[in-house]
Amino acid sequence: SGRTTKYVDSVKGRFTISRDNAKNTVYLQMNSLKPEDTAVYFCLAG
């Protein structure tokens, strides 16, 4: 539904997850990026 979100501590306060079910899309807004955020990012539907 989008009503509940969870974050690990390393991204809390910097990243925001959201979804638009009408567009069949999920987003991850990433702010204040750090070198340790360097990675391949994957989404999972489950």
PDB file of all heavy atoms in Angstrom:
ATOM      1  N   SER A   1       0.816  -1.223   0.000  1.00  0.00           N
ATOM      2  CA  SER A   1       0.000   0.000   0.000  1.00  0.00           C
ATOM      3  C   SER A   1       0.841   1.261   0.000  1.00  0.00           C
ATOM      4  O   SER A   1       0.354   2.342  -0.314  1.00  0.00           O
ATOM      5  CB  SER A   1      -0.900   0.021   1.235  1.00  0.00           C
ATOM      6  OG  SER A   1      -0.112   0.143   2.411  1.00  0.00           O
ATOM      7  N   GLY A   2       2.102   1.111   0.404  1.00  0.00           N
ATOM      8  CA  GLY A   2       2.971   2.269   0.533  1.00  0.00           C
ATOM      9  C   GLY A   2       2.932   2.909   1.906  1.00  0.00           C
ATOM     10  O   GLY A   2       3.673   3.856   2.165  1.00  0.00           O
ATOM     11  N   ARG A   3       2.080   2.396   2.789  1.00  0.00           N
ATOM     12  CA  ARG A   3       1.920   3.036   4.101  1.00  0.00           C
ATOM     13  C   ARG A   3       3.060   2.735   5.060  1.00  0.00           C
ATOM     14  O   ARG A   3       3.300   3.499   5.997  1.00  0.00           O
ATOM     15  CB  ARG A   3       0.590   2.631   4.723  1.00  0.00           C
ATOM     16  CG  ARG A   3      -0.617   3.297   4.084  1.00  0.00           C
ATOM     17  CD  ARG A   3      -1.856   3.107   4.949  1.00  0.00           C
ATOM     18  NE  ARG A   3      -2.313   1.731   4.924  1.00  0.00           N
ATOM     19  CZ  ARG A   3      -3.226   1.278   4.080  1.00  0.00           C
ATOM     20  NH1 ARG A   3      -3.762   2.091   3.195  1.00  0.00           N
ATOM     21  NH2 ARG A   3      -3.606   0.010   4.128  1.00  0.00           N
ATOM     22  N   THR A   4       3.746   1.629   4.851  1.00  0.00           N
ATOM     23  CA  THR A   4       4.828   1.239   5.759  1.00  0.00           C
ATOM     24  C   THR A   4       6.137   1.184   4.996  1.00  0.00           C
ATOM     25  O   THR A   4       6.207   0.578   3.926  1.00  0.00           O
ATOM     26  CB  THR A   4       4.553  -0.126   6.390  1.00  0.00           C
ATOM     27  OG1 THR A   4       3.329  -0.074   7.114  1.00  0.00           O
ATOM     28  CG2 THR A   4       5.681  -0.520   7.329  1.00  0.00           C
ATOM     29  N   THR A   5       7.147   1.835   5.547  1.00  0.00           N
ATOM     30  CA  THR A   5       8.480   1.809   4.956  1.00  0.00           C
ATOM     31  C   THR A   5       9.495   1.465   6.032  1.00  0.00           C
ATOM     32  O   THR A   5       9.293   1.770   7.218  1.00  0.00           O
ATOM     33  CB  THR A   5       8.848   3.160   4.322  1.00  0.00           C
ATOM     34  OG1 THR A   5       8.784   4.185   5.320  1.00  0.00           O
ATOM     35  CG2 THR A   5       7.905   3.510   3.177  1.00  0.00           C
ATOM     36  N   LYS A   6      10.569   0.849   5.630  1.00  0.00           N
ATOM     37  CA  LYS A   6      11.649   0.489   6.524  1.00  0.00           C
ATOM     38  C   LYS A   6      12.973   0.861   5.878  1.00  0.00           C
ATOM     39  O   LYS A   6      13.109   0.805   4.653  1.00  0.00           O
ATOM     40  CB  LYS A   6      11.633  -1.017   6.826  1.00  0.00           C
ATOM     41  CG  LYS A   6      10.355  -1.533   7.480  1.00  0.00           C
ATOM     42  CD  LYS A   6      10.258  -1.090   8.916  1.00  0.00           C
ATOM     43  CE  LYS A   6       9.032  -1.704   9.587  1.00  0.00           C
ATOM     44  NZ  LYS A   6       8.887  -1.224  10.979  1.00  0.00           N
ATOM     45  N   TYR A   7      13.938   1.207   6.722  1.00  0.00           N
ATOM     46  CA  TYR A   7      15.274   1.547   6.248  1.00  0.00           C
ATOM     47  C   TYR A   7      16.300   0.973   7.204  1.00  0.00           C
ATOM     48  O   TYR A   7      16.097   0.964   8.420  1.00  0.00           O
ATOM     49  CB  TYR A   7      15.470   3.064   6.202  1.00  0.00           C
ATOM     50  CG  TYR A   7      14.477   3.794   5.327  1.00  0.00           C
ATOM     51  CD1 TYR A   7      13.282   4.276   5.854  1.00  0.00           C
ATOM     52  CD2 TYR A   7      14.739   3.997   3.978  1.00  0.00           C
ATOM     53  CE1 TYR A   7      12.367   4.940   5.052  1.00  0.00           C
ATOM     54  CE2 TYR A   7      13.828   4.668   3.168  1.00  0.00           C
ATOM     55  CZ  TYR A   7      12.647   5.130   3.716  1.00  0.00           C
ATOM     56  OH  TYR A   7      11.748   5.790   2.921  1.00  0.00           O
ATOM     57  N   VAL A   8      17.432   0.574   6.667  1.00  0.00           N
ATOM     58  CA  VAL A   8      18.546   0.233   7.529  1.00  0.00           C
ATOM     59  C   VAL A   8      19.211   1.531   7.980  1.00  0.00           C
ATOM     60  O   VAL A   8      19.079   2.581   7.341  1.00  0.00           O
ATOM     61  CB  VAL A   8      19.550  -0.697   6.829  1.00  0.00           C
ATOM     62  CG1 VAL A   8      18.896  -2.027   6.490  1.00  0.00           C
ATOM     63  CG2 VAL A   8      20.131  -0.046   5.577  1.00  0.00           C
ATOM     64  N   ASP A   9      19.935   1.442   9.076  1.00  0.00           N
ATOM     65  CA  ASP A   9      20.493   2.650   9.680  1.00  0.00           C
ATOM     66  C   ASP A   9      21.429   3.400   8.739  1.00  0.00           C
ATOM     67  O   ASP A   9      21.497   4.635   8.787  1.00  0.00           O
ATOM     68  CB  ASP A   9      21.236   2.294  10.967  1.00  0.00           C
ATOM     69  CG  ASP A   9      20.291   1.964  12.114  1.00  0.00           C
ATOM     70  OD1 ASP A   9      19.089   2.288  12.001  1.00  0.00           O
ATOM     71  OD2 ASP A   9      20.764   1.390  13.109  1.00  0.00           O
ATOM     72  N   SER A  10      22.150   2.668   7.905  1.00  0.00           N
ATOM     73  CA  SER A  10      23.152   3.313   7.051  1.00  0.00           C
ATOM     74  C   SER A  10      22.545   4.257   6.022  1.00  0.00           C
ATOM     75  O   SER A  10      23.246   5.120   5.487  1.00  0.00           O
ATOM     76  CB  SER A  10      24.022   2.257   6.355  1.00  0.00           C
ATOM     77  OG  SER A  10      23.219   1.420   5.551  1.00  0.00           O
ATOM     78  N   VAL A  11      21.256   4.120   5.731  1.00  0.00           N
ATOM     79  CA  VAL A  11      20.627   4.999   4.732  1.00  0.00           C
ATOM     80  C   VAL A  11      19.485   5.818   5.325  1.00  0.00           C
ATOM     81  O   VAL A  11      18.953   6.707   4.653  1.00  0.00           O
ATOM     82  CB  VAL A  11      20.107   4.200   3.515  1.00  0.00           C
ATOM     83  CG1 VAL A  11      21.216   3.353   2.922  1.00  0.00           C
ATOM     84  CG2 VAL A  11      18.901   3.335   3.874  1.00  0.00           C
ATOM     85  N   LYS A  12      19.129   5.552   6.567  1.00  0.00           N
ATOM     86  CA  LYS A  12      18.008   6.249   7.190  1.00  0.00           C
ATOM     87  C   LYS A  12      18.279   7.744   7.241  1.00  0.00           C
ATOM     88  O   LYS A  12      19.375   8.172   7.603  1.00  0.00           O
ATOM     89  CB  LYS A  12      17.785   5.691   8.593  1.00  0.00           C
ATOM     90  CG  LYS A  12      16.433   6.026   9.197  1.00  0.00           C
ATOM     91  CD  LYS A  12      16.269   5.304  10.540  1.00  0.00           C
ATOM     92  CE  LYS A  12      16.205   3.810  10.377  1.00  0.00           C
ATOM     93  NZ  LYS A  12      15.988   3.102  11.666  1.00  0.00           N
ATOM     94  N   GLY A  13      17.297   8.523   6.852  1.00  0.00           N
ATOM     95  CA  GLY A  13      17.446   9.965   6.830  1.00  0.00           C
ATOM     96  C   GLY A  13      18.037  10.507   5.548  1.00  0.00           C
ATOM     97  O   GLY A  13      18.000  11.719   5.305  1.00  0.00           O
ATOM     98  N   ARG A  14      18.583   9.630   4.721  1.00  0.00           N
ATOM     99  CA  ARG A  14      19.165  10.057   3.441  1.00  0.00           C
ATOM    100  C   ARG A  14      18.395   9.497   2.246  1.00  0.00           C
ATOM    101  O   ARG A  14      18.300  10.167   1.218  1.00  0.00           O
ATOM    102  CB  ARG A  14      20.625   9.595   3.347  1.00  0.00           C
ATOM    103  CG  ARG A  14      21.516  10.136   4.433  1.00  0.00           C
ATOM    104  CD  ARG A  14      22.979   9.805   4.173  1.00  0.00           C
ATOM    105  NE  ARG A  14      23.239   8.360   4.143  1.00  0.00           N
ATOM    106  CZ  ARG A  14      23.769   7.730   3.091  1.00  0.00           C
ATOM    107  NH1 ARG A  14      24.093   8.398   2.005  1.00  0.00           N
ATOM    108  NH2 ARG A  14      23.982   6.417   3.145  1.00  0.00           N
ATOM    109  N   PHE A  15      17.875   8.306   2.376  1.00  0.00           N
ATOM    110  CA  PHE A  15      17.158   7.638   1.288  1.00  0.00           C
ATOM    111  C   PHE A  15      15.664   7.613   1.608  1.00  0.00           C
ATOM    112  O   PHE A  15      15.262   7.487   2.763  1.00  0.00           O
ATOM    113  CB  PHE A  15      17.639   6.206   1.101  1.00  0.00           C
ATOM    114  CG  PHE A  15      19.045   6.066   0.571  1.00  0.00           C
ATOM    115  CD1 PHE A  15      19.897   7.153   0.450  1.00  0.00           C
ATOM    116  CD2 PHE A  15      19.508   4.813   0.182  1.00  0.00           C
ATOM    117  CE1 PHE A  15      21.182   7.010  -0.032  1.00  0.00           C
ATOM    118  CE2 PHE A  15      20.793   4.651  -0.309  1.00  0.00           C
ATOM    119  CZ  PHE A  15      21.628   5.747  -0.409  1.00  0.00           C
ATOM    120  N   THR A  16      14.854   7.706   0.555  1.00  0.00           N
ATOM    121  CA  THR A  16      13.410   7.615   0.699  1.00  0.00           C
ATOM    122  C   THR A  16      12.844   6.675  -0.355  1.00  0.00           C
ATOM    123  O   THR A  16      13.074   6.879  -1.553  1.00  0.00           O
ATOM    124  CB  THR A  16      12.749   8.992   0.554  1.00  0.00           C
ATOM    125  OG1 THR A  16      13.289   9.898   1.513  1.00  0.00           O
ATOM    126  CG2 THR A  16      11.237   8.885   0.770  1.00  0.00           C
ATOM    127  N   ILE A  17      12.142   5.654   0.107  1.00  0.00           N
ATOM    128  CA  ILE A  17      11.481   4.718  -0.809  1.00  0.00           C
ATOM    129  C   ILE A  17      10.033   5.156  -0.986  1.00  0.00           C
ATOM    130  O   ILE A  17       9.394   5.628  -0.038  1.00  0.00           O
ATOM    131  CB  ILE A  17      11.575   3.266  -0.284  1.00  0.00           C
ATOM    132  CG1 ILE A  17      11.123   2.271  -1.345  1.00  0.00           C
ATOM    133  CG2 ILE A  17      10.793   3.100   1.011  1.00  0.00           C
ATOM    134  CD1 ILE A  17      11.411   0.806  -0.958  1.00  0.00           C
ATOM    135  N   SER A  18       9.546   5.013  -2.198  1.00  0.00           N
ATOM    136  CA  SER A  18       8.148   5.343  -2.478  1.00  0.00           C
ATOM    137  C   SER A  18       7.670   4.489  -3.640  1.00  0.00           C
ATOM    138  O   SER A  18       8.473   3.816  -4.293  1.00  0.00           O
ATOM    139  CB  SER A  18       7.986   6.834  -2.798  1.00  0.00           C
ATOM    140  OG  SER A  18       8.713   7.189  -3.960  1.00  0.00           O
ATOM    141  N   ARG A  19       6.381   4.514  -3.869  1.00  0.00           N
ATOM    142  CA  ARG A  19       5.838   3.730  -4.972  1.00  0.00           C
ATOM    143  C   ARG A  19       4.639   4.444  -5.564  1.00  0.00           C
ATOM    144  O   ARG A  19       3.928   5.188  -4.864  1.00  0.00           O
ATOM    145  CB  ARG A  19       5.457   2.333  -4.506  1.00  0.00           C
ATOM    146  CG  ARG A  19       4.343   2.256  -3.506  1.00  0.00           C
ATOM    147  CD  ARG A  19       4.231   0.837  -2.916  1.00  0.00           C
ATOM    148  NE  ARG A  19       3.992  -0.159  -3.949  1.00  0.00           N
ATOM    149  CZ  ARG A  19       4.258  -1.468  -3.796  1.00  0.00           C
ATOM    150  NH1 ARG A  19       4.761  -1.920  -2.654  1.00  0.00           N
ATOM    151  NH2 ARG A  19       4.002  -2.306  -4.774  1.00  0.00           N
ATOM    152  N   ASP A  20       4.453   4.204  -6.846  1.00  0.00           N
ATOM    153  CA  ASP A  20       3.278   4.694  -7.554  1.00  0.00           C
ATOM    154  C   ASP A  20       2.659   3.473  -8.225  1.00  0.00           C
ATOM    155  O   ASP A  20       3.097   3.064  -9.309  1.00  0.00           O
ATOM    156  CB  ASP A  20       3.680   5.761  -8.575  1.00  0.00           C
ATOM    157  CG  ASP A  20       2.476   6.407  -9.242  1.00  0.00           C
ATOM    158  OD1 ASP A  20       1.396   5.786  -9.282  1.00  0.00           O
ATOM    159  OD2 ASP A  20       2.608   7.527  -9.732  1.00  0.00           O
ATOM    160  N   ASN A  21       1.693   2.893  -7.576  1.00  0.00           N
ATOM    161  CA  ASN A  21       1.114   1.655  -8.105  1.00  0.00           C
ATOM    162  C   ASN A  21       0.387   1.882  -9.431  1.00  0.00           C
ATOM    163  O   ASN A  21       0.298   0.969 -10.253  1.00  0.00           O
ATOM    164  CB  ASN A  21       0.174   1.037  -7.078  1.00  0.00           C
ATOM    165  CG  ASN A  21       0.926   0.392  -5.925  1.00  0.00           C
ATOM    166  OD1 ASN A  21       2.100   0.048  -6.039  1.00  0.00           O
ATOM    167  ND2 ASN A  21       0.258   0.226  -4.791  1.00  0.00           N
ATOM    168  N   ALA A  22      -0.103   3.085  -9.640  1.00  0.00           N
ATOM    169  CA  ALA A  22      -0.753   3.391 -10.915  1.00  0.00           C
ATOM    170  C   ALA A  22       0.246   3.340 -12.063  1.00  0.00           C
ATOM    171  O   ALA A  22      -0.116   3.003 -13.202  1.00  0.00           O
ATOM    172  CB  ALA A  22      -1.424   4.752 -10.849  1.00  0.00           C
ATOM    173  N   LYS A  23       1.501   3.677 -11.766  1.00  0.00           N
ATOM    174  CA  LYS A  23       2.546   3.641 -12.779  1.00  0.00           C
ATOM    175  C   LYS A  23       3.344   2.349 -12.721  1.00  0.00           C
ATOM    176  O   LYS A  23       4.301   2.169 -13.493  1.00  0.00           O
ATOM    177  CB  LYS A  23       3.487   4.838 -12.616  1.00  0.00           C
ATOM    178  CG  LYS A  23       2.822   6.181 -12.890  1.00  0.00           C
ATOM    179  CD  LYS A  23       3.831   7.321 -12.783  1.00  0.00           C
ATOM    180  CE  LYS A  23       3.158   8.646 -13.125  1.00  0.00           C
ATOM    181  NZ  LYS A  23       4.125   9.791 -13.022  1.00  0.00           N
ATOM    182  N   ASN A  24       2.978   1.475 -11.769  1.00  0.00           N
ATOM    183  CA  ASN A  24       3.677   0.181 -11.639  1.00  0.00           C
ATOM    184  C   ASN A  24       5.180   0.383 -11.429  1.00  0.00           C
ATOM    185  O   ASN A  24       5.997  -0.340 -12.005  1.00  0.00           O
ATOM    186  CB  ASN A  24       3.431  -0.693 -12.873  1.00  0.00           C
ATOM    187  CG  ASN A  24       3.146  -2.132 -12.523  1.00  0.00           C
ATOM    188  OD1 ASN A  24       2.759  -2.455 -11.398  1.00  0.00           O
ATOM    189  ND2 ASN A  24       3.340  -3.010 -13.481  1.00  0.00           N
ATOM    190  N   THR A  25       5.514   1.356 -10.591  1.00  0.00           N
ATOM    191  CA  THR A  25       6.899   1.747 -10.413  1.00  0.00           C
ATOM    192  C   THR A  25       7.185   2.031  -8.943  1.00  0.00           C
ATOM    193  O   THR A  25       6.331   2.562  -8.232  1.00  0.00           O
ATOM    194  CB  THR A  25       7.214   3.010 -11.247  1.00  0.00           C
ATOM    195  OG1 THR A  25       6.948   2.729 -12.625  1.00  0.00           O
ATOM    196  CG2 THR A  25       8.680   3.415 -11.102  1.00  0.00           C
ATOM    197  N   VAL A  26       8.385   1.668  -8.533  1.00  0.00           N
ATOM    198  CA  VAL A  26       8.878   1.961  -7.195  1.00  0.00           C
ATOM    199  C   VAL A  26      10.125   2.824  -7.342  1.00  0.00           C
ATOM    200  O   VAL A  26      10.890   2.661  -8.302  1.00  0.00           O
ATOM    201  CB  VAL A  26       9.189   0.666  -6.433  1.00  0.00           C
ATOM    202  CG1 VAL A  26       9.793   0.951  -5.072  1.00  0.00           C
ATOM    203  CG2 VAL A  26       7.933  -0.169  -6.293  1.00  0.00           C
ATOM    204  N   TYR A  27      10.318   3.712  -6.385  1.00  0.00           N
ATOM    205  CA  TYR A  27      11.423   4.659  -6.468  1.00  0.00           C
ATOM    206  C   TYR A  27      12.306   4.571  -5.226  1.00  0.00           C
ATOM    207  O   TYR A  27      11.867   4.151  -4.152  1.00  0.00           O
ATOM    208  CB  TYR A  27      10.879   6.085  -6.575  1.00  0.00           C
ATOM    209  CG  TYR A  27       9.924   6.285  -7.716  1.00  0.00           C
ATOM    210  CD1 TYR A  27       8.540   6.218  -7.517  1.00  0.00           C
ATOM    211  CD2 TYR A  27      10.386   6.529  -9.004  1.00  0.00           C
ATOM    212  CE1 TYR A  27       7.651   6.394  -8.572  1.00  0.00           C
ATOM    213  CE2 TYR A  27       9.513   6.706 -10.056  1.00  0.00           C
ATOM    214  CZ  TYR A  27       8.140   6.641  -9.836  1.00  0.00           C
ATOM    215  OH  TYR A  27       7.274   6.814 -10.878  1.00  0.00           O
ATOM    216  N   LEU A  28      13.536   5.016  -5.390  1.00  0.00           N
ATOM    217  CA  LEU A  28      14.434   5.203  -4.257  1.00  0.00           C
ATOM    218  C   LEU A  28      15.140   6.540  -4.471  1.00  0.00           C
ATOM    219  O   LEU A  28      15.994   6.659  -5.351  1.00  0.00           O
ATOM    220  CB  LEU A  28      15.447   4.070  -4.137  1.00  0.00           C
ATOM    221  CG  LEU A  28      16.331   4.137  -2.898  1.00  0.00           C
ATOM    222  CD1 LEU A  28      15.499   3.879  -1.634  1.00  0.00           C
ATOM    223  CD2 LEU A  28      17.483   3.136  -2.974  1.00  0.00           C
ATOM    224  N   GLN A  29      14.745   7.536  -3.701  1.00  0.00           N
ATOM    225  CA  GLN A  29      15.410   8.830  -3.736  1.00  0.00           C
ATOM    226  C   GLN A  29      16.598   8.768  -2.804  1.00  0.00           C
ATOM    227  O   GLN A  29      16.443   8.470  -1.612  1.00  0.00           O
ATOM    228  CB  GLN A  29      14.441   9.930  -3.291  1.00  0.00           C
ATOM    229  CG  GLN A  29      15.067  11.311  -3.231  1.00  0.00           C
ATOM    230  CD  GLN A  29      15.454  11.839  -4.600  1.00  0.00           C
ATOM    231  OE1 GLN A  29      14.698  11.725  -5.558  1.00  0.00           O
ATOM    232  NE2 GLN A  29      16.637  12.435  -4.695  1.00  0.00           N
ATOM    233  N   MET A  30      17.765   9.045  -3.334  1.00  0.00           N
ATOM    234  CA  MET A  30      18.999   8.947  -2.562  1.00  0.00           C
ATOM    235  C   MET A  30      19.647  10.321  -2.494  1.00  0.00           C
ATOM    236  O   MET A  30      20.040  10.876  -3.531  1.00  0.00           O
ATOM    237  CB  MET A  30      19.946   7.935  -3.206  1.00  0.00           C
ATOM    238  CG  MET A  30      19.321   6.571  -3.413  1.00  0.00           C
ATOM    239  SD  MET A  30      20.512   5.329  -3.970  1.00  0.00           S
ATOM    240  CE  MET A  30      21.002   6.013  -5.541  1.00  0.00           C
ATOM    241  N   ASN A  31      19.733  10.856  -1.310  1.00  0.00           N
ATOM    242  CA  ASN A  31      20.353  12.162  -1.078  1.00  0.00           C
ATOM    243  C   ASN A  31      21.601  12.010  -0.224  1.00  0.00           C
ATOM    244  O   ASN A  31      21.812  10.969   0.417  1.00  0.00           O
ATOM    245  CB  ASN A  31      19.362  13.093  -0.383  1.00  0.00           C
ATOM    246  CG  ASN A  31      18.118  13.370  -1.208  1.00  0.00           C
ATOM    247  OD1 ASN A  31      18.163  13.389  -2.440  1.00  0.00           O
ATOM    248  ND2 ASN A  31      16.995  13.578  -0.541  1.00  0.00           N
ATOM    249  N   SER A  32      22.407  13.039  -0.204  1.00  0.00           N
ATOM    250  CA  SER A  32      23.621  13.044   0.620  1.00  0.00           C
ATOM    251  C   SER A  32      24.441  11.775   0.400  1.00  0.00           C
ATOM    252  O   SER A  32      24.878  11.125   1.351  1.00  0.00           O
ATOM    253  CB  SER A  32      23.252  13.190   2.102  1.00  0.00           C
ATOM    254  OG  SER A  32      22.513  14.375   2.328  1.00  0.00           O
ATOM    255  N   LEU A  33      24.644  11.443  -0.839  1.00  0.00           N
ATOM    256  CA  LEU A  33      25.326  10.192  -1.163  1.00  0.00           C
ATOM    257  C   LEU A  33      26.768  10.214  -0.689  1.00  0.00           C
ATOM    258  O   LEU A  33      27.444  11.261  -0.699  1.00  0.00           O
ATOM    259  CB  LEU A  33      25.243   9.931  -2.661  1.00  0.00           C
ATOM    260  CG  LEU A  33      23.886   9.391  -3.108  1.00  0.00           C
ATOM    261  CD1 LEU A  33      23.706   9.579  -4.613  1.00  0.00           C
ATOM    262  CD2 LEU A  33      23.739   7.927  -2.741  1.00  0.00           C
ATOM    263  N   LYS A  34      27.230   9.052  -0.291  1.00  0.00           N
ATOM    264  CA  LYS A  34      28.583   8.863   0.221  1.00  0.00           C
ATOM    265  C   LYS A  34      29.313   7.839  -0.650  1.00  0.00           C
ATOM    266  O   LYS A  34      28.670   6.989  -1.288  1.00  0.00           O
ATOM    267  CB  LYS A  34      28.531   8.350   1.659  1.00  0.00           C
ATOM    268  CG  LYS A  34      27.726   9.217   2.611  1.00  0.00           C
ATOM    269  CD  LYS A  34      27.637   8.565   3.985  1.00  0.00           C
ATOM    270  CE  LYS A  34      26.812   9.406   4.956  1.00  0.00           C
ATOM    271  NZ  LYS A  34      26.735   8.778   6.295  1.00  0.00           N
ATOM    272  N   PRO A  35      30.633   7.869  -0.641  1.00  0.00           N
ATOM    273  CA  PRO A  35      31.369   6.856  -1.422  1.00  0.00           C
ATOM    274  C   PRO A  35      30.984   5.425  -1.045  1.00  0.00           C
ATOM    275  O   PRO A  35      30.957   4.554  -1.918  1.00  0.00           O
ATOM    276  CB  PRO A  35      32.825   7.157  -1.065  1.00  0.00           C
ATOM    277  CG  PRO A  35      32.831   8.629  -0.776  1.00  0.00           C
ATOM    278  CD  PRO A  35      31.523   8.893  -0.087  1.00  0.00           C
ATOM    279  N   GLU A  36      30.644   5.195   0.206  1.00  0.00           N
ATOM    280  CA  GLU A  36      30.265   3.842   0.625  1.00  0.00           C
ATOM    281  C   GLU A  36      28.891   3.415   0.113  1.00  0.00           C
ATOM    282  O   GLU A  36      28.495   2.269   0.304  1.00  0.00           O
ATOM    283  CB  GLU A  36      30.311   3.715   2.149  1.00  0.00           C
ATOM    284  CG  GLU A  36      29.545   4.768   2.912  1.00  0.00           C
ATOM    285  CD  GLU A  36      30.446   5.914   3.384  1.00  0.00           C
ATOM    286  OE1 GLU A  36      31.310   6.359   2.594  1.00  0.00           O
ATOM    287  OE2 GLU A  36      30.255   6.367   4.538  1.00  0.00           O
ATOM    288  N   ASP A  37      28.176   4.311  -0.546  1.00  0.00           N
ATOM    289  CA  ASP A  37      26.919   3.937  -1.198  1.00  0.00           C
ATOM    290  C   ASP A  37      27.153   3.347  -2.580  1.00  0.00           C
ATOM    291  O   ASP A  37      26.204   2.885  -3.223  1.00  0.00           O
ATOM    292  CB  ASP A  37      25.996   5.155  -1.328  1.00  0.00           C
ATOM    293  CG  ASP A  37      25.531   5.691   0.003  1.00  0.00           C
ATOM    294  OD1 ASP A  37      25.187   4.879   0.893  1.00  0.00           O
ATOM    295  OD2 ASP A  37      25.512   6.930   0.166  1.00  0.00           O
ATOM    296  N   THR A  38      28.399   3.363  -3.039  1.00  0.00           N
ATOM    297  CA  THR A  38      28.720   2.808  -4.344  1.00  0.00           C
ATOM    298  C   THR A  38      28.400   1.316  -4.380  1.00  0.00           C
ATOM    299  O   THR A  38      28.880   0.550  -3.539  1.00  0.00           O
ATOM    300  CB  THR A  38      30.203   3.027  -4.677  1.00  0.00           C
ATOM    301  OG1 THR A  38      30.443   4.437  -4.788  1.00  0.00           O
ATOM    302  CG2 THR A  38      30.591   2.327  -5.967  1.00  0.00           C
ATOM    303  N   ALA A  39      27.559   0.924  -5.330  1.00  0.00           N
ATOM    304  CA  ALA A  39      27.110  -0.462  -5.427  1.00  0.00           C
ATOM    305  C   ALA A  39      26.210  -0.603  -6.650  1.00  0.00           C
ATOM    306  O   ALA A  39      25.822   0.395  -7.270  1.00  0.00           O
ATOM    307  CB  ALA A  39      26.337  -0.864  -4.173  1.00  0.00           C
ATOM    308  N   VAL A  40      25.892  -1.847  -6.958  1.00  0.00           N
ATOM    309  CA  VAL A  40      24.804  -2.124  -7.894  1.00  0.00           C
ATOM    310  C   VAL A  40      23.523  -2.235  -7.070  1.00  0.00           C
ATOM    311  O   VAL A  40      23.486  -2.965  -6.073  1.00  0.00           O
ATOM    312  CB  VAL A  40      25.052  -3.408  -8.691  1.00  0.00           C
ATOM    313  CG1 VAL A  40      23.880  -3.680  -9.629  1.00  0.00           C
ATOM    314  CG2 VAL A  40      26.355  -3.312  -9.467  1.00  0.00           C
ATOM    315  N   TYR A  41      22.512  -1.508  -7.488  1.00  0.00           N
ATOM    316  CA  TYR A  41      21.247  -1.464  -6.758  1.00  0.00           C
ATOM    317  C   TYR A  41      20.195  -2.293  -7.500  1.00  0.00           C
ATOM    318  O   TYR A  41      20.033  -2.161  -8.716  1.00  0.00           O
ATOM    319  CB  TYR A  41      20.776  -0.019  -6.606  1.00  0.00           C
ATOM    320  CG  TYR A  41      21.551   0.736  -5.556  1.00  0.00           C
ATOM    321  CD1 TYR A  41      22.880   1.081  -5.755  1.00  0.00           C
ATOM    322  CD2 TYR A  41      20.963   1.078  -4.343  1.00  0.00           C
ATOM    323  CE1 TYR A  41      23.604   1.749  -4.778  1.00  0.00           C
ATOM    324  CE2 TYR A  41      21.662   1.760  -3.362  1.00  0.00           C
ATOM    325  CZ  TYR A  41      23.000   2.085  -3.585  1.00  0.00           C
ATOM    326  OH  TYR A  41      23.716   2.751  -2.605  1.00  0.00           O
ATOM    327  N   PHE A  42      19.493  -3.110  -6.728  1.00  0.00           N
ATOM    328  CA  PHE A  42      18.498  -4.022  -7.273  1.00  0.00           C
ATOM    329  C   PHE A  42      17.152  -3.783  -6.595  1.00  0.00           C
ATOM    330  O   PHE A  42      17.100  -3.482  -5.402  1.00  0.00           O
ATOM    331  CB  PHE A  42      18.884  -5.481  -7.011  1.00  0.00           C
ATOM    332  CG  PHE A  42      20.200  -5.903  -7.587  1.00  0.00           C
ATOM    333  CD1 PHE A  42      21.374  -5.720  -6.865  1.00  0.00           C
ATOM    334  CD2 PHE A  42      20.271  -6.514  -8.832  1.00  0.00           C
ATOM    335  CE1 PHE A  42      22.597  -6.124  -7.380  1.00  0.00           C
ATOM    336  CE2 PHE A  42      21.482  -6.924  -9.360  1.00  0.00           C
ATOM    337  CZ  PHE A  42      22.647  -6.728  -8.632  1.00  0.00           C
ATOM    338  N   CYS A  43      16.082  -3.991  -7.339  1.00  0.00           N
ATOM    339  CA  CYS A  43      14.764  -3.997  -6.703  1.00  0.00           C
ATOM    340  C   CYS A  43      14.235  -5.428  -6.673  1.00  0.00           C
ATOM    341  O   CYS A  43      14.585  -6.268  -7.510  1.00  0.00           O
ATOM    342  CB  CYS A  43      13.778  -3.080  -7.415  1.00  0.00           C
ATOM    343  SG  CYS A  43      13.420  -3.475  -9.131  1.00  0.00           S
ATOM    344  N   LEU A  44      13.418  -5.672  -5.678  1.00  0.00           N
ATOM    345  CA  LEU A  44      12.822  -6.986  -5.470  1.00  0.00           C
ATOM    346  C   LEU A  44      11.334  -6.830  -5.235  1.00  0.00           C
ATOM    347  O   LEU A  44      10.918  -5.994  -4.424  1.00  0.00           O
ATOM    348  CB  LEU A  44      13.447  -7.667  -4.256  1.00  0.00           C
ATOM    349  CG  LEU A  44      12.734  -8.903  -3.725  1.00  0.00           C
ATOM    350  CD1 LEU A  44      12.812 -10.040  -4.730  1.00  0.00           C
ATOM    351  CD2 LEU A  44      13.322  -9.343  -2.382  1.00  0.00           C
ATOM    352  N   ALA A  45      10.546  -7.612  -5.918  1.00  0.00           N
ATOM    353  CA  ALA A  45       9.110  -7.718  -5.650  1.00  0.00           C
ATOM    354  C   ALA A  45       8.884  -9.027  -4.911  1.00  0.00           C
ATOM    355  O   ALA A  45       9.315 -10.089  -5.372  1.00  0.00           O
ATOM    356  CB  ALA A  45       8.325  -7.693  -6.955  1.00  0.00           C
ATOM    357  N   GLY A  46       8.259  -8.941  -3.757  1.00  0.00           N
ATOM    358  CA  GLY A  46       8.079 -10.156  -2.985  1.00  0.00           C
ATOM    359  C   GLY A  46       7.004 -10.003  -1.937  1.00  0.00           C
ATOM    360  O   GLY A  46       6.122  -9.159  -2.043  1.00  0.00           O
TER     361      GLY A  46
END
